[in-house]
Amino acid sequence: MNNAHVRRPITRRSLLTGLTALGAAASLGQGVSVLAQTDEAVRIGVLLPLTGDVDSYARQMRMGIETAVAEINDAGGVLGRRLETAYRDSETTPSVLPGHCRELVTDWGAAAIIGPWAAAGRRYAARALAKFNVPLLNATNHEGGFCNPALFSLGPTMAHDSQPLVRYLDASGAGKKYFLLGSYPSWQNSMFRRLRFTIGPLGGHVQGQALTDYGERNFRPVIRWIQESGAEVVMFCVTRHHGREFIHQAREMGLLEQVTIGWIGFNETLTDGLGADELARIVTTTPFVASDTEGGVPAFVAGVRRLHGSEVPVGYMALTHYNAVKALQAAWNQAGDLGAAAAMNNLRGLGFVSPTGPVTIDAGTQHAAMQVMVARGVNGGLAVVERLGNVAATPGCGV
């Protein structure tokens, strides 16, 4: 990889500029790549939300991928060949994904695809790629319930985020009365519906549930509802930056000191702008904490920051997308072959070591078991509270 290119911090402008350049190259019938084009490169397509209001997640996804690609290429590539990546804008709109997948595979020659961000998108992309026998490595949160021969999940399922979070909060005495609050995507509605089957057997009760619009910033009406409900725990899943407005308003209205916030998907990209008293009320479960001093985490964080800036926040989405590239490397090395079919065959049941420890892709579900930990918000980031060990994905489906 051209180091002069990758060491510039990723911004919305650079993401969109890169996408424009890629589109122009495609229109001229040229190969489309972030790396220099060579006949010997192994090509990986990437589906990123380059437009919309999820810049921070696109940035994390790209940082993780580019860190892994740079690391592999600097060490001589995979089986002596360099990795090459091309990005397409998923637009947070699943309907565009089959076309992007078809173009990346048939026109550009991708041997694997990583992405997309939106949970529903994995269905569209996986079904399209199954026709070409090309693997899709999805590394974002989702509710499970969907398996496909082309889909390999490296991201957290409910078994990694929401379910262990409820169990931890119950065991720690946070309370039995829950309020479920998220934004309106279907995966959150499905997640909350299934989460009741974890809350109920523990003696818990759901006092209420609300799903707001994507960009909602006025949470005061629902905060009053939560206060009136008598909830002790708010299971919160607003993963965009405006979720911090809920925390601010909850503090101003006196709710924050009355409840524990179990924030599903909380990570280091969301801590900026939250005070120490606000962060102290937030608990999450996650496969990665940037401040962790164990294993390969410090080296991974340092590697990301060498490429993308010393002050950049590093969240779990960077790790899971790094892991997606490393899984492909391990599968191709194991096969001794760099084709799409070799990746498909060897990703099933694959085990490899990530910065946080062992990751194993279950052969029956093609979802990864990974290390999970409980973390609390602290001034400037997250701190590990408890390590839950290697947790199976249990997506509720099979291939």
Protein backbone atom coordinates (compact mmCIF):
# COMPACT_ATOMS: atom_id res chain seq x y z
CA MET A 1 0.00 0.00 0.00
CA ASN A 2 1.19 3.53 -0.72
CA ASN A 3 2.07 4.81 2.75
CA ALA A 4 1.76 8.41 1.69
CA HIS A 5 -1.89 7.70 0.96
CA VAL A 6 -2.92 5.70 4.00
CA ARG A 7 -1.25 7.90 6.61
CA ARG A 8 -3.59 10.81 5.94
CA PRO A 9 -6.41 10.85 8.52
CA ILE A 10 -9.72 9.70 7.06
CA THR A 11 -12.34 12.42 6.79
CA ARG A 12 -15.76 12.59 5.15
CA ARG A 13 -14.17 14.69 2.38
CA SER A 14 -11.44 12.11 1.72
CA LEU A 15 -13.97 9.26 1.71
CA LEU A 16 -16.16 10.99 -0.85
CA THR A 17 -13.17 12.15 -2.91
CA GLY A 18 -11.89 8.58 -3.04
CA LEU A 19 -15.29 7.27 -4.06
CA THR A 20 -15.51 9.85 -6.87
CA ALA A 21 -12.08 8.83 -8.14
CA LEU A 22 -13.05 5.17 -8.04
CA GLY A 23 -16.23 5.85 -9.99
CA ALA A 24 -14.32 7.83 -12.60
CA ALA A 25 -11.84 4.99 -13.07
CA ALA A 26 -14.68 2.52 -13.49
CA SER A 27 -16.33 4.69 -16.14
CA LEU A 28 -13.08 4.63 -18.10
CA GLY A 29 -12.98 0.85 -17.98
CA GLN A 30 -9.96 0.85 -15.65
CA GLY A 31 -9.41 -1.35 -12.61
CA VAL A 32 -10.80 0.29 -9.47
CA SER A 33 -8.57 0.24 -6.41
CA VAL A 34 -7.31 2.10 -3.40
CA LEU A 35 -3.93 0.47 -4.06
CA ALA A 36 -1.85 0.59 -7.19
CA GLN A 37 -3.40 -1.70 -9.79
CA THR A 38 -1.43 -4.85 -10.58
CA ASP A 39 -2.34 -8.14 -12.21
CA GLU A 40 -0.94 -9.96 -9.20
CA ALA A 41 -3.10 -8.31 -6.53
CA VAL A 42 -5.77 -10.20 -4.60
CA ARG A 43 -8.88 -8.05 -4.72
CA ILE A 44 -11.29 -7.38 -1.85
CA GLY A 45 -14.39 -5.25 -2.34
CA VAL A 46 -15.73 -3.17 0.54
CA LEU A 47 -19.27 -1.83 1.04
CA LEU A 48 -19.16 1.31 3.21
CA PRO A 49 -21.80 3.93 4.16
CA LEU A 50 -19.87 6.79 2.55
CA THR A 51 -22.87 9.13 2.45
CA GLY A 52 -25.46 9.78 5.13
CA ASP A 53 -24.94 10.50 8.82
CA VAL A 54 -22.78 7.52 9.81
CA ASP A 55 -19.35 8.96 8.95
CA SER A 56 -17.76 7.75 12.18
CA TYR A 57 -18.68 4.13 11.47
CA ALA A 58 -17.47 4.28 7.88
CA ARG A 59 -14.23 5.71 9.22
CA GLN A 60 -13.85 2.91 11.79
CA MET A 61 -14.58 0.23 9.20
CA ARG A 62 -12.08 1.68 6.77
CA MET A 63 -9.39 2.17 9.45
CA GLY A 64 -9.60 -1.46 10.48
CA ILE A 65 -9.49 -2.73 6.91
CA GLU A 66 -6.62 -0.47 5.85
CA THR A 67 -4.59 -1.31 8.96
CA ALA A 68 -4.88 -5.03 8.24
CA VAL A 69 -4.13 -4.59 4.52
CA ALA A 70 -1.06 -2.45 5.25
CA GLU A 71 0.19 -4.94 7.83
CA ILE A 72 -0.23 -7.88 5.46
CA ASN A 73 1.26 -6.12 2.43
CA ASP A 74 4.23 -4.84 4.43
CA ALA A 75 4.94 -8.46 5.41
CA GLY A 76 4.90 -9.65 1.79
CA GLY A 77 1.18 -10.14 1.13
CA VAL A 78 -0.78 -13.39 1.10
CA LEU A 79 1.02 -16.28 -0.59
CA GLY A 80 3.36 -13.67 -2.05
CA ARG A 81 0.62 -11.47 -3.53
CA ARG A 82 -0.52 -8.06 -2.34
CA LEU A 83 -4.05 -7.26 -1.21
CA GLU A 84 -5.97 -4.59 -3.05
CA THR A 85 -9.25 -2.95 -1.99
CA ALA A 86 -12.06 -1.01 -3.68
CA TYR A 87 -14.87 0.82 -1.91
CA ARG A 88 -18.50 1.22 -2.90
CA ASP A 89 -21.08 3.42 -1.17
CA SER A 90 -23.73 1.28 0.50
CA GLU A 91 -25.71 4.51 1.13
CA THR A 92 -27.32 2.76 4.13
CA THR A 93 -29.79 1.56 1.47
CA PRO A 94 -29.84 -2.24 1.05
CA SER A 95 -31.39 -2.16 -2.42
CA VAL A 96 -28.19 -0.80 -4.01
CA LEU A 97 -26.05 -3.66 -2.70
CA PRO A 98 -26.74 -6.42 -5.28
CA GLY A 99 -25.61 -4.09 -8.07
CA HIS A 100 -22.44 -3.12 -6.22
CA CYS A 101 -21.66 -6.77 -5.48
CA ARG A 102 -22.19 -7.81 -9.09
CA GLU A 103 -19.96 -5.00 -10.38
CA LEU A 104 -17.18 -5.67 -7.87
CA VAL A 105 -17.13 -9.40 -8.66
CA THR A 106 -17.78 -9.54 -12.39
CA ASP A 107 -16.14 -6.29 -13.56
CA TRP A 108 -13.41 -5.75 -11.00
CA GLY A 109 -12.63 -9.34 -10.01
CA ALA A 110 -13.15 -9.25 -6.24
CA ALA A 111 -12.47 -12.57 -4.53
CA ALA A 112 -14.32 -11.48 -1.37
CA ILE A 113 -16.51 -8.63 -0.13
CA ILE A 114 -16.45 -6.97 3.32
CA GLY A 115 -19.48 -5.07 4.65
CA PRO A 116 -22.03 -3.56 4.65
CA TRP A 117 -22.83 -1.46 7.75
CA ALA A 118 -26.62 -1.73 7.91
CA ALA A 119 -27.73 -5.05 9.40
CA ALA A 120 -30.46 -5.57 6.81
CA GLY A 121 -27.91 -5.13 4.04
CA ARG A 122 -26.18 -8.41 4.83
CA ARG A 123 -29.24 -10.25 3.50
CA TYR A 124 -29.23 -8.42 0.15
CA ALA A 125 -25.47 -8.68 -0.33
CA ALA A 126 -25.18 -12.31 0.78
CA ARG A 127 -27.96 -13.48 -1.54
CA ALA A 128 -26.33 -11.68 -4.46
CA LEU A 129 -22.88 -13.09 -3.72
CA ALA A 130 -24.12 -16.65 -3.20
CA LYS A 131 -24.83 -16.76 -6.94
CA PHE A 132 -21.14 -16.10 -7.62
CA ASN A 133 -19.80 -18.34 -4.81
CA VAL A 134 -18.00 -15.30 -3.35
CA PRO A 135 -17.87 -14.78 0.44
CA LEU A 136 -19.35 -11.80 2.26
CA LEU A 137 -17.64 -10.97 5.55
CA ASN A 138 -19.98 -8.84 7.63
CA ALA A 139 -18.42 -7.31 10.74
CA THR A 140 -21.15 -5.11 12.26
CA ASN A 141 -23.78 -5.68 14.96
CA HIS A 142 -26.93 -7.57 14.03
CA GLU A 143 -29.75 -9.49 15.68
CA GLY A 144 -28.93 -12.87 14.11
CA GLY A 145 -31.67 -14.93 12.52
CA PHE A 146 -30.13 -14.99 9.03
CA CYS A 147 -27.61 -17.47 7.68
CA ASN A 148 -26.51 -17.91 4.08
CA PRO A 149 -23.78 -20.00 2.42
CA ALA A 150 -22.01 -16.79 1.33
CA LEU A 151 -22.29 -14.98 4.69
CA PHE A 152 -19.55 -15.08 7.33
CA SER A 153 -20.29 -12.94 10.37
CA LEU A 154 -17.35 -11.40 12.26
CA GLY A 155 -19.49 -8.83 14.07
CA PRO A 156 -21.35 -8.98 17.40
CA THR A 157 -24.70 -10.74 17.58
CA MET A 158 -27.17 -10.49 20.46
CA ALA A 159 -25.17 -13.22 22.20
CA HIS A 160 -22.22 -10.81 22.29
CA ASP A 161 -23.86 -7.48 23.07
CA SER A 162 -27.43 -7.17 24.39
CA GLN A 163 -28.00 -10.54 26.08
CA PRO A 164 -24.82 -10.63 28.20
CA LEU A 165 -25.39 -6.97 29.04
CA VAL A 166 -28.81 -7.76 30.52
CA ARG A 167 -27.37 -10.70 32.46
CA TYR A 168 -24.54 -8.55 33.84
CA LEU A 169 -26.85 -5.71 34.87
CA ASP A 170 -29.19 -8.17 36.58
CA ALA A 171 -26.35 -9.87 38.46
CA SER A 172 -24.91 -6.52 39.54
CA GLY A 173 -28.24 -5.43 41.06
CA ALA A 174 -29.04 -2.63 38.64
CA GLY A 175 -32.74 -3.48 38.86
CA LYS A 176 -35.55 -5.54 37.41
CA LYS A 177 -37.54 -2.83 35.64
CA TYR A 178 -36.40 -2.14 32.07
CA PHE A 179 -37.20 0.43 29.43
CA LEU A 180 -36.11 -0.35 25.85
CA LEU A 181 -35.13 2.67 23.75
CA GLY A 182 -33.68 2.67 20.25
CA SER A 183 -34.09 4.11 16.78
CA TYR A 184 -36.47 2.63 14.26
CA PRO A 185 -34.41 0.19 12.10
CA SER A 186 -36.01 -3.21 11.91
CA TRP A 187 -33.03 -4.97 13.47
CA GLN A 188 -33.47 -3.00 16.71
CA ASN A 189 -37.16 -3.82 16.87
CA SER A 190 -36.32 -7.49 16.31
CA MET A 191 -33.52 -7.33 18.89
CA PHE A 192 -35.74 -5.77 21.55
CA ARG A 193 -38.47 -8.34 20.89
CA ARG A 194 -36.01 -11.20 21.39
CA LEU A 195 -34.33 -9.49 24.35
CA ARG A 196 -37.53 -9.88 26.35
CA PHE A 197 -36.79 -13.62 26.40
CA THR A 198 -33.59 -12.84 28.32
CA ILE A 199 -35.16 -10.28 30.66
CA GLY A 200 -38.25 -12.35 31.58
CA PRO A 201 -36.56 -15.52 32.93
CA LEU A 202 -34.39 -13.33 35.18
CA GLY A 203 -37.51 -11.93 36.82
CA GLY A 204 -37.30 -8.66 34.93
CA HIS A 205 -40.17 -6.63 33.49
CA VAL A 206 -40.26 -4.34 30.46
CA GLN A 207 -41.99 -1.13 31.54
CA GLY A 208 -42.05 0.35 28.05
CA GLN A 209 -40.39 0.52 24.64
CA ALA A 210 -39.82 3.36 22.18
CA LEU A 211 -38.17 3.54 18.76
CA THR A 212 -37.38 7.08 17.62
CA ASP A 213 -36.56 8.38 14.16
CA TYR A 214 -32.94 8.18 12.96
CA GLY A 215 -32.01 11.78 13.69
CA GLU A 216 -34.22 12.48 16.70
CA ARG A 217 -32.59 14.94 19.08
CA ASN A 218 -35.47 15.80 21.40
CA PHE A 219 -35.68 12.90 23.84
CA ARG A 220 -37.52 14.83 26.56
CA PRO A 221 -40.97 13.30 25.94
CA VAL A 222 -39.60 9.76 26.14
CA ILE A 223 -37.49 10.68 29.19
CA ARG A 224 -40.68 11.75 30.97
CA TRP A 225 -42.24 8.43 29.95
CA ILE A 226 -39.25 6.54 31.37
CA GLN A 227 -39.51 8.48 34.63
CA GLU A 228 -43.23 7.77 34.92
CA SER A 229 -42.67 4.07 34.17
CA GLY A 230 -40.41 3.61 37.19
CA ALA A 231 -37.71 1.96 35.09
CA GLU A 232 -34.38 1.22 36.78
CA VAL A 233 -32.46 0.20 33.65
CA VAL A 234 -32.63 1.76 30.20
CA MET A 235 -31.47 -0.59 27.46
CA PHE A 236 -30.36 2.03 24.95
CA CYS A 237 -29.49 1.44 21.29
CA VAL A 238 -29.06 4.71 19.43
CA THR A 239 -25.71 4.15 17.75
CA ARG A 240 -25.32 7.49 16.00
CA HIS A 241 -23.81 10.55 17.66
CA HIS A 242 -27.14 12.14 18.48
CA GLY A 243 -27.59 9.39 21.07
CA ARG A 244 -25.42 11.55 23.30
CA GLU A 245 -28.26 14.10 23.34
CA PHE A 246 -30.34 11.56 25.24
CA ILE A 247 -27.64 11.31 27.91
CA HIS A 248 -27.38 15.11 28.23
CA GLN A 249 -31.15 15.53 28.47
CA ALA A 250 -31.48 12.61 30.91
CA ARG A 251 -28.97 14.32 33.19
CA GLU A 252 -30.71 17.70 32.91
CA MET A 253 -34.11 16.16 33.74
CA GLY A 254 -32.83 14.11 36.69
CA LEU A 255 -33.26 10.70 35.08
CA LEU A 256 -29.59 9.80 34.77
CA GLU A 257 -29.02 9.50 38.51
CA GLN A 258 -32.07 7.24 38.82
CA VAL A 259 -31.20 4.62 36.18
CA THR A 260 -28.35 2.62 34.70
CA ILE A 261 -27.86 3.01 30.96
CA GLY A 262 -27.12 -0.30 29.24
CA TRP A 263 -25.93 1.15 25.94
CA ILE A 264 -25.83 -1.54 23.25
CA GLY A 265 -23.05 -0.76 20.76
CA PHE A 266 -21.45 1.97 22.88
CA ASN A 267 -17.83 2.56 21.87
CA GLU A 268 -14.98 5.04 21.94
CA THR A 269 -16.32 7.07 19.01
CA LEU A 270 -19.33 8.10 21.13
CA THR A 271 -17.57 9.28 24.28
CA ASP A 272 -16.54 12.72 23.03
CA GLY A 273 -18.72 15.43 24.56
CA LEU A 274 -19.95 13.30 27.48
CA GLY A 275 -18.97 14.35 30.97
CA ALA A 276 -17.41 12.06 33.56
CA ASP A 277 -20.69 11.88 35.51
CA GLU A 278 -22.56 10.94 32.33
CA LEU A 279 -20.04 8.30 31.27
CA ALA A 280 -20.12 6.72 34.74
CA ARG A 281 -23.78 5.77 34.24
CA ILE A 282 -23.12 3.87 30.97
CA VAL A 283 -22.40 0.13 30.86
CA THR A 284 -21.87 -1.92 27.70
CA THR A 285 -20.65 -5.30 26.51
CA THR A 286 -18.17 -5.26 23.65
CA PRO A 287 -15.53 -7.35 21.86
CA PHE A 288 -12.95 -4.58 22.23
CA VAL A 289 -11.86 -1.74 24.52
CA ALA A 290 -9.09 0.52 23.24
CA SER A 291 -7.64 1.10 26.72
CA ASP A 292 -7.22 -2.65 27.31
CA THR A 293 -3.61 -3.51 28.07
CA GLU A 294 -3.86 -7.26 27.48
CA GLY A 295 -2.89 -9.32 24.44
CA GLY A 296 -2.40 -7.59 21.13
CA VAL A 297 -4.73 -4.66 21.81
CA PRO A 298 -2.02 -2.02 22.51
CA ALA A 299 -0.14 -2.97 19.34
CA PHE A 300 -3.35 -2.91 17.29
CA VAL A 301 -4.36 0.53 18.57
CA ALA A 302 -0.83 1.82 17.92
CA GLY A 303 -0.93 0.41 14.40
CA VAL A 304 -4.23 2.11 13.61
CA ARG A 305 -2.97 5.43 14.94
CA ARG A 306 0.29 5.24 13.02
CA LEU A 307 -1.73 5.13 9.82
CA HIS A 308 -4.61 7.41 10.71
CA GLY A 309 -3.50 9.87 13.36
CA SER A 310 -2.43 9.73 16.98
CA GLU A 311 -5.67 11.19 18.34
CA VAL A 312 -8.18 9.13 16.37
CA PRO A 313 -10.66 7.16 18.53
CA VAL A 314 -10.46 3.41 17.96
CA GLY A 315 -13.65 1.45 18.55
CA TYR A 316 -14.72 -2.17 18.20
CA MET A 317 -15.85 -1.63 14.60
CA ALA A 318 -12.22 -1.02 13.63
CA LEU A 319 -11.23 -4.31 15.28
CA THR A 320 -13.99 -6.43 13.71
CA HIS A 321 -13.19 -5.14 10.21
CA TYR A 322 -9.48 -5.72 10.81
CA ASN A 323 -10.47 -9.26 11.81
CA ALA A 324 -12.42 -9.70 8.56
CA VAL A 325 -9.26 -9.10 6.52
CA LYS A 326 -7.17 -11.31 8.81
CA ALA A 327 -9.76 -14.08 8.47
CA LEU A 328 -9.40 -13.96 4.69
CA GLN A 329 -5.62 -14.06 5.02
CA ALA A 330 -5.84 -17.12 7.27
CA ALA A 331 -8.32 -18.87 4.97
CA TRP A 332 -6.20 -18.29 1.86
CA ASN A 333 -3.01 -19.36 3.61
CA GLN A 334 -4.72 -22.52 4.83
CA ALA A 335 -6.00 -23.30 1.34
CA GLY A 336 -2.77 -22.45 -0.46
CA ASP A 337 -5.04 -20.79 -3.01
CA LEU A 338 -6.24 -17.20 -3.43
CA GLY A 339 -9.61 -17.73 -5.13
CA ALA A 340 -13.11 -16.96 -3.91
CA ALA A 341 -13.98 -20.66 -3.64
CA ALA A 342 -10.88 -21.30 -1.52
CA ALA A 343 -11.93 -18.51 0.84
CA MET A 344 -15.50 -19.86 1.06
CA ASN A 345 -14.35 -23.38 1.85
CA ASN A 346 -11.71 -22.46 4.39
CA LEU A 347 -13.59 -19.73 6.27
CA ARG A 348 -16.00 -22.41 7.49
CA GLY A 349 -14.71 -23.62 10.84
CA LEU A 350 -11.69 -21.31 10.63
CA GLY A 351 -9.80 -20.33 13.77
CA PHE A 352 -7.35 -17.45 13.90
CA VAL A 353 -5.85 -15.12 16.49
CA SER A 354 -7.00 -11.49 16.64
CA PRO A 355 -5.59 -8.71 18.85
CA THR A 356 -8.12 -9.62 21.55
CA GLY A 357 -7.60 -13.38 21.39
CA PRO A 358 -8.94 -16.41 19.49
CA VAL A 359 -11.75 -16.03 16.96
CA THR A 360 -13.49 -19.12 15.58
CA ILE A 361 -16.01 -19.16 12.73
CA ASP A 362 -18.55 -21.89 13.45
CA ALA A 363 -18.87 -24.26 10.50
CA GLY A 364 -22.61 -24.74 11.00
CA THR A 365 -23.69 -21.09 11.27
CA GLN A 366 -20.66 -19.29 9.76
CA HIS A 367 -20.84 -16.80 12.65
CA ALA A 368 -17.80 -16.11 14.81
CA ALA A 369 -17.26 -16.81 18.47
CA MET A 370 -15.19 -13.99 19.97
CA GLN A 371 -13.91 -12.52 23.20
CA VAL A 372 -16.47 -10.34 25.00
CA MET A 373 -16.05 -8.03 27.96
CA VAL A 374 -18.16 -5.75 30.11
CA ALA A 375 -17.01 -2.13 30.07
CA ARG A 376 -18.03 1.12 31.73
CA GLY A 377 -17.69 4.63 30.49
CA VAL A 378 -14.83 6.58 32.05
CA ASN A 379 -13.45 10.00 31.35
CA GLY A 380 -11.95 9.79 27.86
CA GLY A 381 -13.20 6.36 26.86
CA LEU A 382 -14.08 2.92 28.22
CA ALA A 383 -12.60 0.72 30.93
CA VAL A 384 -12.82 -3.08 31.18
CA VAL A 385 -14.94 -4.21 34.14
CA GLU A 386 -15.21 -7.96 33.56
CA ARG A 387 -14.02 -10.43 30.93
CA LEU A 388 -16.68 -12.87 29.81
CA GLY A 389 -14.31 -15.03 27.74
CA ASN A 390 -14.94 -16.53 24.34
CA VAL A 391 -18.67 -16.29 23.54
CA ALA A 392 -20.45 -18.21 20.77
CA ALA A 393 -22.59 -16.22 18.35
CA THR A 394 -25.72 -18.45 18.58
CA PRO A 395 -27.50 -16.62 15.73
CA GLY A 396 -30.50 -18.95 15.74
CA CYS A 397 -29.97 -20.24 12.21
CA GLY A 398 -27.71 -22.53 10.22
CA VAL A 399 -26.33 -22.97 6.74
